[in-house]
């Protein structure tokens, strides 16, 4: 099931990238 594992892996990376973006945006808005 490499396809399923890859799918979850990519989704996890996307979630991490979104959290980093939200944190950066918060930092810029409250600087």
PDB file of N, CA and C in Angstrom:
ATOM      1  N   UNK A   1       0.822  -1.212   0.000  1.00  0.00           N
ATOM      2  CA  UNK A   1       0.000   0.000   0.000  1.00  0.00           C
ATOM      3  C   UNK A   1       0.868   1.279   0.000  1.00  0.00           C
ATOM      4  N   UNK A   2       1.823   1.349  -0.873  1.00  0.00           N
ATOM      5  CA  UNK A   2       2.675   2.539  -0.861  1.00  0.00           C
ATOM      6  C   UNK A   2       1.907   3.801  -1.254  1.00  0.00           C
ATOM      7  N   UNK A   3       0.879   3.623  -2.068  1.00  0.00           N
ATOM      8  CA  UNK A   3       0.115   4.797  -2.504  1.00  0.00           C
ATOM      9  C   UNK A   3      -0.598   5.440  -1.306  1.00  0.00           C
ATOM     10  N   UNK A   4      -1.223   4.625  -0.492  1.00  0.00           N
ATOM     11  CA  UNK A   4      -1.941   5.150   0.670  1.00  0.00           C
ATOM     12  C   UNK A   4      -0.973   5.820   1.632  1.00  0.00           C
ATOM     13  N   UNK A   5       0.168   5.165   1.871  1.00  0.00           N
ATOM     14  CA  UNK A   5       1.145   5.732   2.797  1.00  0.00           C
ATOM     15  C   UNK A   5       1.673   7.062   2.250  1.00  0.00           C
ATOM     16  N   UNK A   6       1.888   7.108   0.929  1.00  0.00           N
ATOM     17  CA  UNK A   6       2.367   8.341   0.317  1.00  0.00           C
ATOM     18  C   UNK A   6       1.314   9.438   0.455  1.00  0.00           C
ATOM     19  N   UNK A   7       0.056   9.056   0.301  1.00  0.00           N
ATOM     20  CA  UNK A   7      -1.024  10.030   0.408  1.00  0.00           C
ATOM     21  C   UNK A   7      -1.046  10.655   1.811  1.00  0.00           C
ATOM     22  N   UNK A   8      -0.963   9.817   2.832  1.00  0.00           N
ATOM     23  CA  UNK A   8      -0.960  10.334   4.204  1.00  0.00           C
ATOM     24  C   UNK A   8       0.293  11.171   4.448  1.00  0.00           C
ATOM     25  N   UNK A   9       1.412  10.743   3.880  1.00  0.00           N
ATOM     26  CA  UNK A   9       2.672  11.467   4.056  1.00  0.00           C
ATOM     27  C   UNK A   9       2.546  12.873   3.476  1.00  0.00           C
ATOM     28  N   UNK A  10       1.993  12.962   2.275  1.00  0.00           N
ATOM     29  CA  UNK A  10       1.850  14.268   1.637  1.00  0.00           C
ATOM     30  C   UNK A  10       0.860  15.142   2.408  1.00  0.00           C
ATOM     31  N   UNK A  11      -0.206  14.517   2.909  1.00  0.00           N
ATOM     32  CA  UNK A  11      -1.197  15.290   3.658  1.00  0.00           C
ATOM     33  C   UNK A  11      -0.573  15.814   4.951  1.00  0.00           C
ATOM     34  N   UNK A  12       0.291  15.008   5.567  1.00  0.00           N
ATOM     35  CA  UNK A  12       0.936  15.429   6.807  1.00  0.00           C
ATOM     36  C   UNK A  12       1.864  16.611   6.531  1.00  0.00           C
ATOM     37  N   UNK A  13       2.590  16.559   5.408  1.00  0.00           N
ATOM     38  CA  UNK A  13       3.475  17.663   5.043  1.00  0.00           C
ATOM     39  C   UNK A  13       2.654  18.920   4.786  1.00  0.00           C
ATOM     40  N   UNK A  14       1.505  18.751   4.117  1.00  0.00           N
ATOM     41  CA  UNK A  14       0.655  19.898   3.818  1.00  0.00           C
ATOM     42  C   UNK A  14       0.155  20.538   5.109  1.00  0.00           C
ATOM     43  N   UNK A  15      -0.221  19.721   6.070  1.00  0.00           N
ATOM     44  CA  UNK A  15      -0.707  20.237   7.346  1.00  0.00           C
ATOM     45  C   UNK A  15       0.413  20.993   8.067  1.00  0.00           C
ATOM     46  N   UNK A  16       1.622  20.451   8.022  1.00  0.00           N
ATOM     47  CA  UNK A  16       2.755  21.099   8.676  1.00  0.00           C
ATOM     48  C   UNK A  16       3.059  22.439   8.008  1.00  0.00           C
ATOM     49  N   UNK A  17       3.018  22.453   6.686  1.00  0.00           N
ATOM     50  CA  UNK A  17       3.285  23.692   5.955  1.00  0.00           C
ATOM     51  C   UNK A  17       2.227  24.739   6.287  1.00  0.00           C
ATOM     52  N   UNK A  18       0.981  24.312   6.419  1.00  0.00           N
ATOM     53  CA  UNK A  18      -0.099  25.249   6.757  1.00  0.00           C
ATOM     54  C   UNK A  18       0.124  25.840   8.153  1.00  0.00           C
ATOM     55  N   UNK A  19       0.547  24.990   9.102  1.00  0.00           N
ATOM     56  CA  UNK A  19       0.781  25.485  10.460  1.00  0.00           C
ATOM     57  C   UNK A  19       1.940  26.480  10.468  1.00  0.00           C
ATOM     58  N   UNK A  20       2.970  26.193   9.694  1.00  0.00           N
ATOM     59  CA  UNK A  20       4.110  27.108   9.632  1.00  0.00           C
ATOM     60  C   UNK A  20       3.685  28.436   9.022  1.00  0.00           C
ATOM     61  N   UNK A  21       2.847  28.369   7.975  1.00  0.00           N
ATOM     62  CA  UNK A  21       2.363  29.581   7.329  1.00  0.00           C
ATOM     63  C   UNK A  21       1.518  30.401   8.299  1.00  0.00           C
ATOM     64  N   UNK A  22       0.642  29.733   9.051  1.00  0.00           N
ATOM     65  CA  UNK A  22      -0.212  30.427  10.012  1.00  0.00           C
ATOM     66  C   UNK A  22       0.641  31.087  11.099  1.00  0.00           C
ATOM     67  N   UNK A  23       1.672  30.390  11.556  1.00  0.00           N
ATOM     68  CA  UNK A  23       2.541  30.945  12.593  1.00  0.00           C
ATOM     69  C   UNK A  23       3.308  32.159  12.062  1.00  0.00           C
ATOM     70  N   UNK A  24       3.788  32.067  10.836  1.00  0.00           N
ATOM     71  CA  UNK A  24       4.526  33.179  10.237  1.00  0.00           C
ATOM     72  C   UNK A  24       3.611  34.385  10.044  1.00  0.00           C
ATOM     73  N   UNK A  25       2.387  34.124   9.595  1.00  0.00           N
ATOM     74  CA  UNK A  25       1.430  35.209   9.392  1.00  0.00           C
ATOM     75  C   UNK A  25       1.105  35.884  10.718  1.00  0.00           C
ATOM     76  N   UNK A  26       0.922  35.070  11.748  1.00  0.00           N
ATOM     77  CA  UNK A  26       0.624  35.625  13.074  1.00  0.00           C
ATOM     78  C   UNK A  26       1.794  36.488  13.553  1.00  0.00           C
ATOM     79  N   UNK A  27       3.011  36.017  13.319  1.00  0.00           N
ATOM     80  CA  UNK A  27       4.203  36.760  13.729  1.00  0.00           C
ATOM     81  C   UNK A  27       4.279  38.107  13.002  1.00  0.00           C
ATOM     82  N   UNK A  28       4.000  38.088  11.704  1.00  0.00           N
ATOM     83  CA  UNK A  28       4.073  39.326  10.931  1.00  0.00           C
ATOM     84  C   UNK A  28       2.973  40.311  11.331  1.00  0.00           C
ATOM     85  N   UNK A  29       1.802  39.788  11.673  1.00  0.00           N
ATOM     86  CA  UNK A  29       0.692  40.672  12.026  1.00  0.00           C
ATOM     87  C   UNK A  29       0.828  41.252  13.429  1.00  0.00           C
ATOM     88  N   UNK A  30       1.575  40.581  14.299  1.00  0.00           N
ATOM     89  CA  UNK A  30       1.681  41.047  15.686  1.00  0.00           C
ATOM     90  C   UNK A  30       3.076  41.563  16.017  1.00  0.00           C
ATOM     91  N   UNK A  31       3.868  41.815  14.987  1.00  0.00           N
ATOM     92  CA  UNK A  31       5.242  42.247  15.213  1.00  0.00           C
ATOM     93  C   UNK A  31       5.254  43.637  15.846  1.00  0.00           C
TER      94      UNK A  31
END
